[in-house]
Amino acid sequence: MNILNDKLDTTNELLTSRIGLITLAHTIQVLDLSKTIDQHFPANV
């Protein structure tokens, strides 16, 4: 399993709208999802 080297900033807010982005980014990377998406939905050139 790859560990991302992302850093989180501290905040005084109780909840933030970005709380799940680290998990989502890690899942996309582990599943190599961007490659799969590019294969199934190629960019129109």
N, C-alpha and C. Protein backbone atom coordinates (compact mmCIF):
# COMPACT_ATOMS: atom_id res chain seq x y z
N MET A 1 0.85 -1.17 0.00
CA MET A 1 0.00 0.00 0.00
C MET A 1 0.89 1.24 0.00
N ASN A 2 0.56 2.19 -0.83
CA ASN A 2 1.30 3.44 -0.88
C ASN A 2 0.73 4.43 0.12
N ILE A 3 1.61 5.15 0.78
CA ILE A 3 1.20 6.19 1.72
C ILE A 3 1.45 7.54 1.07
N LEU A 4 0.42 8.38 1.04
CA LEU A 4 0.57 9.71 0.47
C LEU A 4 1.32 10.62 1.43
N ASN A 5 2.10 11.52 0.90
CA ASN A 5 2.86 12.45 1.72
C ASN A 5 2.16 13.80 1.82
N ASP A 6 0.84 13.78 1.90
CA ASP A 6 0.08 15.02 1.99
C ASP A 6 0.07 15.52 3.42
N LYS A 7 0.07 16.84 3.55
CA LYS A 7 0.02 17.48 4.87
C LYS A 7 -1.33 18.16 5.02
N LEU A 8 -1.87 18.10 6.22
CA LEU A 8 -3.13 18.77 6.52
C LEU A 8 -2.85 20.02 7.33
N ASP A 9 -3.52 21.11 6.97
CA ASP A 9 -3.42 22.32 7.76
C ASP A 9 -4.36 22.22 8.95
N THR A 10 -3.97 22.83 10.05
CA THR A 10 -4.85 22.85 11.21
C THR A 10 -5.83 24.01 11.07
N THR A 11 -6.97 23.84 11.68
CA THR A 11 -8.00 24.87 11.64
C THR A 11 -8.77 24.82 12.95
N ASN A 12 -9.41 25.91 13.28
CA ASN A 12 -10.25 25.97 14.48
C ASN A 12 -11.69 25.59 14.18
N GLU A 13 -12.00 25.32 12.91
CA GLU A 13 -13.36 24.92 12.55
C GLU A 13 -13.63 23.51 13.04
N LEU A 14 -14.89 23.25 13.39
CA LEU A 14 -15.26 21.92 13.85
C LEU A 14 -15.30 20.93 12.69
N LEU A 15 -15.83 21.35 11.56
CA LEU A 15 -15.91 20.52 10.36
C LEU A 15 -15.47 21.34 9.17
N THR A 16 -14.86 20.68 8.21
CA THR A 16 -14.52 21.37 6.97
C THR A 16 -15.14 20.61 5.80
N SER A 17 -15.29 21.30 4.69
CA SER A 17 -15.86 20.67 3.51
C SER A 17 -14.86 19.79 2.79
N ARG A 18 -13.59 19.84 3.20
CA ARG A 18 -12.55 19.09 2.52
C ARG A 18 -12.08 17.86 3.29
N ILE A 19 -12.80 17.46 4.30
CA ILE A 19 -12.35 16.41 5.20
C ILE A 19 -12.12 15.08 4.49
N GLY A 20 -12.91 14.76 3.47
CA GLY A 20 -12.77 13.47 2.81
C GLY A 20 -11.86 13.47 1.60
N LEU A 21 -11.27 14.59 1.25
CA LEU A 21 -10.47 14.65 0.03
C LEU A 21 -9.20 13.82 0.10
N ILE A 22 -8.57 13.73 1.24
CA ILE A 22 -7.36 12.93 1.38
C ILE A 22 -7.68 11.46 1.12
N THR A 23 -8.75 10.98 1.71
CA THR A 23 -9.15 9.59 1.51
C THR A 23 -9.51 9.32 0.06
N LEU A 24 -10.24 10.23 -0.54
CA LEU A 24 -10.62 10.09 -1.95
C LEU A 24 -9.39 10.11 -2.85
N ALA A 25 -8.47 11.02 -2.62
CA ALA A 25 -7.25 11.10 -3.43
C ALA A 25 -6.42 9.82 -3.29
N HIS A 26 -6.33 9.30 -2.09
CA HIS A 26 -5.58 8.07 -1.87
C HIS A 26 -6.24 6.89 -2.60
N THR A 27 -7.55 6.78 -2.53
CA THR A 27 -8.28 5.71 -3.19
C THR A 27 -8.10 5.78 -4.71
N ILE A 28 -8.19 6.98 -5.27
CA ILE A 28 -7.99 7.16 -6.71
C ILE A 28 -6.60 6.72 -7.11
N GLN A 29 -5.61 7.06 -6.31
CA GLN A 29 -4.23 6.70 -6.62
C GLN A 29 -4.02 5.19 -6.53
N VAL A 30 -4.51 4.57 -5.48
CA VAL A 30 -4.31 3.14 -5.26
C VAL A 30 -5.00 2.32 -6.36
N LEU A 31 -6.19 2.72 -6.76
CA LEU A 31 -6.93 2.00 -7.79
C LEU A 31 -6.48 2.36 -9.20
N ASP A 32 -5.57 3.32 -9.32
CA ASP A 32 -5.12 3.82 -10.63
C ASP A 32 -6.35 4.22 -11.45
N LEU A 33 -7.27 4.88 -10.79
CA LEU A 33 -8.56 5.23 -11.39
C LEU A 33 -8.44 6.19 -12.55
N SER A 34 -7.48 7.10 -12.51
CA SER A 34 -7.34 8.06 -13.61
C SER A 34 -7.00 7.35 -14.92
N LYS A 35 -6.21 6.29 -14.86
CA LYS A 35 -5.87 5.52 -16.06
C LYS A 35 -7.12 4.82 -16.60
N THR A 36 -7.91 4.23 -15.72
CA THR A 36 -9.13 3.55 -16.13
C THR A 36 -10.12 4.53 -16.75
N ILE A 37 -10.26 5.69 -16.16
CA ILE A 37 -11.16 6.71 -16.70
C ILE A 37 -10.70 7.15 -18.08
N ASP A 38 -9.39 7.38 -18.22
CA ASP A 38 -8.85 7.79 -19.52
C ASP A 38 -9.08 6.72 -20.59
N GLN A 39 -9.03 5.45 -20.22
CA GLN A 39 -9.26 4.37 -21.18
C GLN A 39 -10.71 4.34 -21.64
N HIS A 40 -11.63 4.54 -20.73
CA HIS A 40 -13.05 4.43 -21.06
C HIS A 40 -13.66 5.73 -21.58
N PHE A 41 -13.07 6.84 -21.23
CA PHE A 41 -13.57 8.15 -21.66
C PHE A 41 -12.41 8.98 -22.21
N PRO A 42 -11.93 8.62 -23.40
CA PRO A 42 -10.79 9.37 -23.96
C PRO A 42 -11.18 10.81 -24.27
N ALA A 43 -10.20 11.68 -24.18
CA ALA A 43 -10.43 13.11 -24.47
C ALA A 43 -10.63 13.28 -25.97
N ASN A 44 -11.58 14.11 -26.32
CA ASN A 44 -11.79 14.43 -27.75
C ASN A 44 -10.75 15.44 -28.18
N VAL A 45 -9.97 15.07 -29.15
CA VAL A 45 -8.90 15.96 -29.61
C VAL A 45 -9.29 16.61 -30.89
